[in-house]
C-alpha atoms as a PDB file:
ATOM      1  CA  MET A   1     -17.868 -37.065  39.636  1.00  0.00           C
ATOM      2  CA  LYS A   2     -15.208 -35.212  37.712  1.00  0.00           C
ATOM      3  CA  THR A   3     -12.202 -37.091  39.296  1.00  0.00           C
ATOM      4  CA  THR A   4     -14.191 -40.672  38.521  1.00  0.00           C
ATOM      5  CA  ALA A   5     -14.513 -39.588  34.893  1.00  0.00           C
ATOM      6  CA  LEU A   6     -11.032 -38.519  34.514  1.00  0.00           C
ATOM      7  CA  GLY A   7      -9.883 -41.783  36.062  1.00  0.00           C
ATOM      8  CA  LEU A   8     -11.998 -43.618  33.520  1.00  0.00           C
ATOM      9  CA  CYS A   9     -10.718 -41.879  30.652  1.00  0.00           C
ATOM     10  CA  ILE A  10      -6.942 -42.399  31.823  1.00  0.00           C
ATOM     11  CA  LEU A  11      -7.886 -46.287  32.297  1.00  0.00           C
ATOM     12  CA  LEU A  12      -9.418 -46.380  28.943  1.00  0.00           C
ATOM     13  CA  LEU A  13      -6.523 -44.814  27.065  1.00  0.00           C
ATOM     14  CA  LEU A  14      -4.196 -47.421  28.982  1.00  0.00           C
ATOM     15  CA  GLY A  15      -6.339 -50.046  28.083  1.00  0.00           C
ATOM     16  CA  SER A  16      -6.134 -49.039  24.469  1.00  0.00           C
ATOM     17  CA  ALA A  17      -2.414 -48.711  24.471  1.00  0.00           C
ATOM     18  CA  CYS A  18      -2.048 -51.898  25.899  1.00  0.00           C
ATOM     19  CA  LYS A  19      -4.311 -53.571  23.174  1.00  0.00           C
ATOM     20  CA  GLU A  20      -2.490 -51.667  20.361  1.00  0.00           C
ATOM     21  CA  LYS A  21       1.183 -52.725  21.722  1.00  0.00           C
ATOM     22  CA  PRO A  22       0.854 -56.352  20.637  1.00  0.00           C
ATOM     23  CA  ALA A  23      -0.544 -55.348  17.266  1.00  0.00           C
ATOM     24  CA  THR A  24       2.652 -53.217  16.712  1.00  0.00           C
ATOM     25  CA  ASP A  25       4.729 -56.079  17.747  1.00  0.00           C
ATOM     26  CA  LYS A  26       2.829 -58.501  15.621  1.00  0.00           C
ATOM     27  CA  THR A  27       3.331 -56.019  12.611  1.00  0.00           C
ATOM     28  CA  LYS A  28       6.973 -55.861  13.240  1.00  0.00           C
ATOM     29  CA  MET A  29       7.254 -59.607  13.303  1.00  0.00           C
ATOM     30  CA  GLU A  30       5.270 -59.668   9.991  1.00  0.00           C
ATOM     31  CA  GLN A  31       7.622 -57.028   8.181  1.00  0.00           C
ATOM     32  CA  ASP A  32      10.587 -59.148   9.638  1.00  0.00           C
ATOM     33  CA  SER A  33       9.379 -62.197   8.183  1.00  0.00           C
ATOM     34  CA  GLN A  34       8.689 -60.608   4.947  1.00  0.00           C
ATOM     35  CA  MET A  35      12.067 -58.999   4.819  1.00  0.00           C
ATOM     36  CA  GLU A  36      13.648 -62.427   5.348  1.00  0.00           C
ATOM     37  CA  GLN A  37      11.422 -64.003   2.593  1.00  0.00           C
ATOM     38  CA  ALA A  38      12.462 -61.249   0.437  1.00  0.00           C
ATOM     39  CA  ALA A  39      16.252 -61.611   0.999  1.00  0.00           C
ATOM     40  CA  GLU A  40      15.961 -65.713   0.289  1.00  0.00           C
ATOM     41  CA  MET A  41      13.907 -65.124  -2.798  1.00  0.00           C
ATOM     42  CA  ALA A  42      16.347 -62.188  -4.237  1.00  0.00           C
ATOM     43  CA  PRO A  43      18.772 -63.413  -7.109  1.00  0.00           C
ATOM     44  CA  ALA A  44      22.322 -64.093  -6.143  1.00  0.00           C
ATOM     45  CA  GLU A  45      25.137 -61.546  -6.765  1.00  0.00           C
ATOM     46  CA  THR A  46      26.530 -62.087 -10.123  1.00  0.00           C
ATOM     47  CA  ASP A  47      30.115 -62.382  -8.607  1.00  0.00           C
ATOM     48  CA  SER A  48      30.569 -66.036  -8.813  1.00  0.00           C
ATOM     49  CA  TRP A  49      33.183 -67.669 -10.941  1.00  0.00           C
ATOM     50  CA  GLU A  50      32.365 -70.253 -13.638  1.00  0.00           C
ATOM     51  CA  VAL A  51      34.790 -73.071 -13.836  1.00  0.00           C
ATOM     52  CA  LEU A  52      36.262 -73.811 -17.366  1.00  0.00           C
ATOM     53  CA  PHE A  53      38.823 -76.214 -16.219  1.00  0.00           C
ATOM     54  CA  ASP A  54      39.542 -77.686 -12.902  1.00  0.00           C
ATOM     55  CA  GLY A  55      41.774 -80.617 -13.717  1.00  0.00           C
ATOM     56  CA  THR A  56      38.960 -83.275 -14.047  1.00  0.00           C
ATOM     57  CA  SER A  57      37.012 -82.424 -17.119  1.00  0.00           C
ATOM     58  CA  MET A  58      37.494 -80.741 -20.499  1.00  0.00           C
ATOM     59  CA  ASP A  59      33.730 -80.573 -21.063  1.00  0.00           C
ATOM     60  CA  ALA A  60      33.586 -76.788 -21.535  1.00  0.00           C
ATOM     61  CA  TRP A  61      35.962 -76.955 -24.350  1.00  0.00           C
ATOM     62  CA  LYS A  62      35.988 -78.282 -28.055  1.00  0.00           C
ATOM     63  CA  GLY A  63      38.048 -77.782 -30.973  1.00  0.00           C
ATOM     64  CA  TYR A  64      37.807 -74.734 -33.171  1.00  0.00           C
ATOM     65  CA  ARG A  65      35.120 -75.611 -35.768  1.00  0.00           C
ATOM     66  CA  THR A  66      34.701 -79.146 -34.438  1.00  0.00           C
ATOM     67  CA  ALA A  67      32.390 -80.679 -32.304  1.00  0.00           C
ATOM     68  CA  GLU A  68      34.900 -82.509 -29.978  1.00  0.00           C
ATOM     69  CA  VAL A  69      38.384 -81.987 -28.215  1.00  0.00           C
ATOM     70  CA  PRO A  70      41.096 -82.649 -30.636  1.00  0.00           C
ATOM     71  CA  ALA A  71      43.345 -85.564 -29.535  1.00  0.00           C
ATOM     72  CA  PRO A  72      46.411 -83.609 -29.255  1.00  0.00           C
ATOM     73  CA  TRP A  73      45.034 -81.915 -26.190  1.00  0.00           C
ATOM     74  CA  LYS A  74      45.504 -84.259 -23.059  1.00  0.00           C
ATOM     75  CA  MET A  75      44.758 -84.009 -19.353  1.00  0.00           C
ATOM     76  CA  GLU A  76      47.659 -84.537 -17.184  1.00  0.00           C
ATOM     77  CA  ASP A  77      48.243 -83.632 -13.472  1.00  0.00           C
ATOM     78  CA  GLY A  78      45.404 -81.272 -13.261  1.00  0.00           C
ATOM     79  CA  ALA A  79      46.248 -79.461 -16.725  1.00  0.00           C
ATOM     80  CA  MET A  80      45.318 -79.278 -20.250  1.00  0.00           C
ATOM     81  CA  VAL A  81      48.418 -79.948 -22.299  1.00  0.00           C
ATOM     82  CA  PHE A  82      48.796 -79.534 -26.122  1.00  0.00           C
ATOM     83  CA  TYR A  83      51.258 -82.114 -27.685  1.00  0.00           C
ATOM     84  CA  PRO A  84      51.742 -81.317 -31.381  1.00  0.00           C
ATOM     85  CA  PRO A  85      51.471 -84.433 -33.479  1.00  0.00           C
ATOM     86  CA  GLU A  86      54.679 -85.544 -35.140  1.00  0.00           C
ATOM     87  CA  ASN A  87      53.109 -86.475 -38.421  1.00  0.00           C
ATOM     88  CA  GLY A  88      50.155 -84.382 -38.676  1.00  0.00           C
ATOM     89  CA  PRO A  89      48.497 -83.267 -41.903  1.00  0.00           C
ATOM     90  CA  GLU A  90      50.389 -80.238 -43.036  1.00  0.00           C
ATOM     91  CA  GLY A  91      48.298 -76.955 -42.314  1.00  0.00           C
ATOM     92  CA  GLU A  92      46.099 -78.850 -39.747  1.00  0.00           C
ATOM     93  CA  SER A  93      45.354 -76.691 -36.406  1.00  0.00           C
ATOM     94  CA  TYR A  94      43.973 -77.979 -33.124  1.00  0.00           C
ATOM     95  CA  ASN A  95      42.828 -74.822 -31.280  1.00  0.00           C
ATOM     96  CA  LEU A  96      40.458 -75.028 -28.576  1.00  0.00           C
ATOM     97  CA  VAL A  97      37.508 -72.820 -28.089  1.00  0.00           C
ATOM     98  CA  SER A  98      35.188 -72.627 -25.263  1.00  0.00           C
ATOM     99  CA  ARG A  99      31.658 -73.943 -25.812  1.00  0.00           C
ATOM    100  CA  LYS A 100      29.996 -71.013 -24.446  1.00  0.00           C
ATOM    101  CA  GLU A 101      30.288 -67.385 -25.433  1.00  0.00           C
ATOM    102  CA  TYR A 102      31.188 -64.513 -23.232  1.00  0.00           C
ATOM    103  CA  THR A 103      31.247 -60.570 -23.410  1.00  0.00           C
ATOM    104  CA  SER A 104      32.466 -58.544 -20.383  1.00  0.00           C
ATOM    105  CA  PHE A 105      34.310 -60.657 -18.101  1.00  0.00           C
ATOM    106  CA  ILE A 106      37.629 -61.510 -15.960  1.00  0.00           C
ATOM    107  CA  LEU A 107      39.278 -64.715 -17.121  1.00  0.00           C
ATOM    108  CA  SER A 108      41.689 -66.363 -14.847  1.00  0.00           C
ATOM    109  CA  LEU A 109      44.099 -68.962 -15.533  1.00  0.00           C
ATOM    110  CA  GLU A 110      47.738 -70.497 -15.391  1.00  0.00           C
ATOM    111  CA  TRP A 111      49.732 -71.153 -18.402  1.00  0.00           C
ATOM    112  CA  LYS A 112      53.178 -73.079 -18.800  1.00  0.00           C
ATOM    113  CA  ILE A 113      54.990 -72.714 -22.110  1.00  0.00           C
ATOM    114  CA  SER A 114      57.834 -75.266 -23.372  1.00  0.00           C
ATOM    115  CA  GLU A 115      61.419 -74.137 -24.058  1.00  0.00           C
ATOM    116  CA  GLY A 116      61.182 -71.883 -27.396  1.00  0.00           C
ATOM    117  CA  GLY A 117      57.418 -72.418 -27.206  1.00  0.00           C
ATOM    118  CA  ASN A 118      54.589 -70.113 -28.485  1.00  0.00           C
ATOM    119  CA  SER A 119      50.965 -70.000 -27.843  1.00  0.00           C
ATOM    120  CA  GLY A 120      48.102 -67.522 -27.061  1.00  0.00           C
ATOM    121  CA  ILE A 121      44.860 -66.871 -25.314  1.00  0.00           C
ATOM    122  CA  PHE A 122      42.003 -65.360 -27.316  1.00  0.00           C
ATOM    123  CA  TRP A 123      38.635 -63.906 -26.797  1.00  0.00           C
ATOM    124  CA  GLY A 124      36.008 -62.734 -28.979  1.00  0.00           C
ATOM    125  CA  ILE A 125      36.358 -65.568 -31.289  1.00  0.00           C
ATOM    126  CA  VAL A 126      33.342 -66.005 -33.964  1.00  0.00           C
ATOM    127  CA  GLU A 127      33.382 -69.491 -34.869  1.00  0.00           C
ATOM    128  CA  ASN A 128      32.294 -69.020 -38.673  1.00  0.00           C
ATOM    129  CA  PRO A 129      33.283 -71.157 -41.824  1.00  0.00           C
ATOM    130  CA  LYS A 130      34.747 -68.184 -43.236  1.00  0.00           C
ATOM    131  CA  TYR A 131      37.188 -67.705 -40.583  1.00  0.00           C
ATOM    132  CA  GLY A 132      39.680 -70.451 -40.881  1.00  0.00           C
ATOM    133  CA  GLN A 133      41.601 -69.542 -37.696  1.00  0.00           C
ATOM    134  CA  PRO A 134      40.382 -68.090 -34.144  1.00  0.00           C
ATOM    135  CA  TYR A 135      43.287 -65.264 -34.644  1.00  0.00           C
ATOM    136  CA  GLU A 136      41.015 -63.771 -37.532  1.00  0.00           C
ATOM    137  CA  THR A 137      38.415 -62.654 -35.116  1.00  0.00           C
ATOM    138  CA  GLY A 138      39.827 -63.051 -31.878  1.00  0.00           C
ATOM    139  CA  PRO A 139      42.346 -60.510 -30.231  1.00  0.00           C
ATOM    140  CA  GLU A 140      45.304 -62.431 -28.462  1.00  0.00           C
ATOM    141  CA  ILE A 141      46.893 -62.204 -25.442  1.00  0.00           C
ATOM    142  CA  GLN A 142      50.480 -63.738 -26.003  1.00  0.00           C
ATOM    143  CA  VAL A 143      52.011 -66.683 -24.278  1.00  0.00           C
ATOM    144  CA  LEU A 144      55.717 -67.232 -25.146  1.00  0.00           C
ATOM    145  CA  ASP A 145      59.158 -68.246 -23.985  1.00  0.00           C
ATOM    146  CA  ASN A 146      60.672 -64.729 -24.113  1.00  0.00           C
ATOM    147  CA  GLU A 147      64.087 -65.844 -23.717  1.00  0.00           C
ATOM    148  CA  ARG A 148      64.250 -68.616 -26.652  1.00  0.00           C
ATOM    149  CA  HIS A 149      61.382 -67.933 -29.236  1.00  0.00           C
ATOM    150  CA  PRO A 150      62.308 -65.724 -32.250  1.00  0.00           C
ATOM    151  CA  ASP A 151      59.018 -63.679 -32.026  1.00  0.00           C
ATOM    152  CA  ALA A 152      60.066 -61.939 -28.707  1.00  0.00           C
ATOM    153  CA  LEU A 153      62.791 -60.202 -30.895  1.00  0.00           C
ATOM    154  CA  ASN A 154      60.096 -58.851 -33.220  1.00  0.00           C
ATOM    155  CA  GLY A 155      59.214 -56.106 -30.674  1.00  0.00           C
ATOM    156  CA  ASP A 156      57.504 -55.634 -27.222  1.00  0.00           C
ATOM    157  CA  THR A 157      54.058 -56.380 -28.493  1.00  0.00           C
ATOM    158  CA  HIS A 158      54.908 -59.799 -29.536  1.00  0.00           C
ATOM    159  CA  GLN A 159      56.295 -60.814 -25.981  1.00  0.00           C
ATOM    160  CA  ALA A 160      54.505 -62.786 -23.277  1.00  0.00           C
ATOM    161  CA  GLY A 161      51.327 -60.854 -21.892  1.00  0.00           C
ATOM    162  CA  ALA A 162      51.185 -58.424 -24.650  1.00  0.00           C
ATOM    163  CA  LEU A 163      47.966 -57.571 -26.447  1.00  0.00           C
ATOM    164  CA  TYR A 164      49.500 -59.252 -29.452  1.00  0.00           C
ATOM    165  CA  ASP A 165      51.015 -56.870 -32.172  1.00  0.00           C
ATOM    166  CA  MET A 166      48.883 -53.856 -30.352  1.00  0.00           C
ATOM    167  CA  VAL A 167      50.013 -53.211 -26.725  1.00  0.00           C
ATOM    168  CA  ALA A 168      53.358 -54.054 -25.181  1.00  0.00           C
ATOM    169  CA  PRO A 169      53.608 -55.222 -21.496  1.00  0.00           C
ATOM    170  CA  GLU A 170      55.151 -52.487 -19.329  1.00  0.00           C
ATOM    171  CA  SER A 171      57.523 -55.089 -17.818  1.00  0.00           C
ATOM    172  CA  ASP A 172      58.727 -58.657 -18.100  1.00  0.00           C
ATOM    173  CA  VAL A 173      57.427 -60.452 -15.073  1.00  0.00           C
ATOM    174  CA  THR A 174      57.094 -63.916 -16.824  1.00  0.00           C
ATOM    175  CA  LYS A 175      58.647 -67.078 -14.971  1.00  0.00           C
ATOM    176  CA  PRO A 176      61.039 -69.045 -17.133  1.00  0.00           C
ATOM    177  CA  ALA A 177      59.857 -71.793 -19.563  1.00  0.00           C
ATOM    178  CA  GLY A 178      58.635 -74.751 -17.936  1.00  0.00           C
ATOM    179  CA  GLU A 179      57.065 -72.783 -14.699  1.00  0.00           C
ATOM    180  CA  TRP A 180      53.528 -71.813 -14.272  1.00  0.00           C
ATOM    181  CA  ASN A 181      52.436 -68.248 -14.798  1.00  0.00           C
ATOM    182  CA  GLN A 182      49.200 -66.955 -13.411  1.00  0.00           C
ATOM    183  CA  CYS A 183      47.200 -64.646 -15.724  1.00  0.00           C
ATOM    184  CA  GLU A 184      44.332 -62.528 -15.215  1.00  0.00           C
ATOM    185  CA  ILE A 185      42.549 -60.937 -18.216  1.00  0.00           C
ATOM    186  CA  THR A 186      39.907 -58.267 -17.860  1.00  0.00           C
ATOM    187  CA  VAL A 187      37.611 -57.319 -20.764  1.00  0.00           C
ATOM    188  CA  ASP A 188      34.882 -54.720 -19.793  1.00  0.00           C
ATOM    189  CA  TYR A 189      33.114 -53.558 -22.677  1.00  0.00           C
ATOM    190  CA  LYS A 190      30.806 -51.392 -20.178  1.00  0.00           C
ATOM    191  CA  THR A 191      33.658 -49.237 -19.039  1.00  0.00           C
ATOM    192  CA  GLU A 192      35.439 -49.698 -22.453  1.00  0.00           C
ATOM    193  CA  ARG A 193      38.501 -50.794 -20.761  1.00  0.00           C
ATOM    194  CA  GLY A 194      40.769 -53.926 -20.606  1.00  0.00           C
ATOM    195  CA  LYS A 195      43.822 -54.874 -18.649  1.00  0.00           C
ATOM    196  CA  VAL A 196      46.196 -57.977 -18.116  1.00  0.00           C
ATOM    197  CA  VAL A 197      47.571 -58.993 -14.616  1.00  0.00           C
ATOM    198  CA  LEU A 198      50.527 -61.387 -14.897  1.00  0.00           C
ATOM    199  CA  ASN A 199      52.155 -63.021 -11.907  1.00  0.00           C
ATOM    200  CA  GLY A 200      50.412 -60.473  -9.526  1.00  0.00           C
ATOM    201  CA  THR A 201      51.448 -57.476 -11.557  1.00  0.00           C
ATOM    202  CA  GLU A 202      49.309 -55.276 -14.082  1.00  0.00           C
ATOM    203  CA  ILE A 203      51.393 -55.300 -17.050  1.00  0.00           C
ATOM    204  CA  LEU A 204      49.083 -53.424 -19.477  1.00  0.00           C
ATOM    205  CA  SER A 205      45.814 -51.918 -20.073  1.00  0.00           C
ATOM    206  CA  PHE A 206      43.901 -51.212 -23.303  1.00  0.00           C
ATOM    207  CA  PRO A 207      40.863 -49.235 -24.502  1.00  0.00           C
ATOM    208  CA  LEU A 208      37.964 -51.074 -25.870  1.00  0.00           C
ATOM    209  CA  GLY A 209      35.869 -48.197 -27.094  1.00  0.00           C
ATOM    210  CA  LYS A 210      35.236 -48.232 -30.919  1.00  0.00           C
ATOM    211  CA  GLU A 211      37.326 -45.294 -31.885  1.00  0.00           C
ATOM    212  CA  ALA A 212      40.282 -45.828 -29.660  1.00  0.00           C
ATOM    213  CA  TRP A 213      40.260 -49.634 -30.700  1.00  0.00           C
ATOM    214  CA  ASP A 214      39.921 -49.216 -34.209  1.00  0.00           C
ATOM    215  CA  ALA A 215      42.909 -46.770 -33.947  1.00  0.00           C
ATOM    216  CA  MET A 216      44.979 -49.452 -32.501  1.00  0.00           C
ATOM    217  CA  VAL A 217      44.000 -51.991 -35.041  1.00  0.00           C
ATOM    218  CA  GLU A 218      44.859 -49.620 -37.957  1.00  0.00           C
ATOM    219  CA  LYS A 219      48.473 -49.613 -36.626  1.00  0.00           C
ATOM    220  CA  SER A 220      48.723 -53.351 -36.438  1.00  0.00           C
ATOM    221  CA  LYS A 221      49.118 -56.270 -38.670  1.00  0.00           C
ATOM    222  CA  PHE A 222      45.285 -56.696 -38.199  1.00  0.00           C
ATOM    223  CA  LYS A 223      44.563 -53.739 -40.224  1.00  0.00           C
ATOM    224  CA  GLY A 224      41.912 -54.451 -43.026  1.00  0.00           C
ATOM    225  CA  TRP A 225      40.990 -57.673 -41.543  1.00  0.00           C
ATOM    226  CA  GLU A 226      37.226 -58.090 -42.068  1.00  0.00           C
ATOM    227  CA  GLY A 227      36.060 -59.690 -38.629  1.00  0.00           C
ATOM    228  CA  PHE A 228      39.065 -58.969 -36.291  1.00  0.00           C
ATOM    229  CA  GLY A 229      38.021 -57.661 -32.724  1.00  0.00           C
ATOM    230  CA  LYS A 230      34.664 -56.789 -34.219  1.00  0.00           C
ATOM    231  CA  SER A 231      32.499 -58.828 -31.894  1.00  0.00           C
ATOM    232  CA  GLN A 232      31.853 -58.042 -28.257  1.00  0.00           C
ATOM    233  CA  MET A 233      30.299 -61.453 -27.837  1.00  0.00           C
ATOM    234  CA  GLY A 234      32.420 -64.505 -28.637  1.00  0.00           C
ATOM    235  CA  LYS A 235      34.339 -67.728 -27.415  1.00  0.00           C
ATOM    236  CA  ILE A 236      37.562 -67.856 -25.294  1.00  0.00           C
ATOM    237  CA  GLY A 237      40.200 -69.834 -27.098  1.00  0.00           C
ATOM    238  CA  LEU A 238      43.690 -71.465 -26.493  1.00  0.00           C
ATOM    239  CA  GLN A 239      46.235 -71.430 -29.405  1.00  0.00           C
ATOM    240  CA  ASP A 240      47.931 -74.339 -31.039  1.00  0.00           C
ATOM    241  CA  HIS A 241      51.123 -72.912 -32.448  1.00  0.00           C
ATOM    242  CA  GLY A 242      53.061 -75.873 -32.807  1.00  0.00           C
ATOM    243  CA  ASP A 243      54.645 -76.015 -29.521  1.00  0.00           C
ATOM    244  CA  ILE A 244      53.803 -77.747 -26.049  1.00  0.00           C
ATOM    245  CA  VAL A 245      51.733 -75.682 -23.785  1.00  0.00           C
ATOM    246  CA  ALA A 246      49.921 -76.291 -20.639  1.00  0.00           C
ATOM    247  CA  TYR A 247      46.669 -74.462 -19.113  1.00  0.00           C
ATOM    248  CA  ARG A 248      45.010 -75.335 -15.446  1.00  0.00           C
ATOM    249  CA  ASN A 249      42.858 -73.419 -13.203  1.00  0.00           C
ATOM    250  CA  ILE A 250      40.623 -71.993 -15.798  1.00  0.00           C
ATOM    251  CA  LYS A 251      37.960 -69.795 -14.589  1.00  0.00           C
ATOM    252  CA  ILE A 252      35.796 -66.885 -15.753  1.00  0.00           C
ATOM    253  CA  LYS A 253      33.563 -64.229 -14.145  1.00  0.00           C
ATOM    254  CA  SER A 254      30.996 -62.279 -15.970  1.00  0.00           C
ATOM    255  CA  LEU A 255      30.878 -58.540 -15.261  1.00  0.00           C
END
């Protein structure tokens, strides 16, 4: 009897284990399914690039304080090219700005300057009637023919790739006028640092924290300018400086 009872107990335990195993497998399958569903529903990583110009449309741009792209900007061979008007109104400017505003970001583009030409890339532009030009609010990364434009003789902080009038590039890696230069500008208010990479070389970095930034401005031509570099949120800009310049492959990644 004891042997029979023991055998029955063993059989009951085995039977219980056999019944519980499918339940465990089912639970695991349900957990896997839930994990897959959660992965599908999870938000995409914020590392994607937003195209601002791919050679087919200028819809992401407009004129500064105007609704449309100014006529002197043309789309040619996959690039946005600025041709200064021969008989334009005196004092008229045709700067481009992005339709959207950005804060911390990486901006990637290519630029090509004409012989003796000058232009610039802005960020943090505040489009307000009291500011007549983008440079009144937006810091500028210089675009220049270093060999021929006289501004290159006004110090390293006026040469191509410089944070204009504030931080000079550590080296001149620009290509000659008429050739494309690849530029990547990082502005990160979270880490309070910015940098410029030109043609694959990091040529400068700069602080973005209030005290350090204000100290740089205090030593520059922008000292005392009411709105200069004050806004962490603003528009990207491409400068009309009266010379032929071209930009292409423009994209931006929010940080």
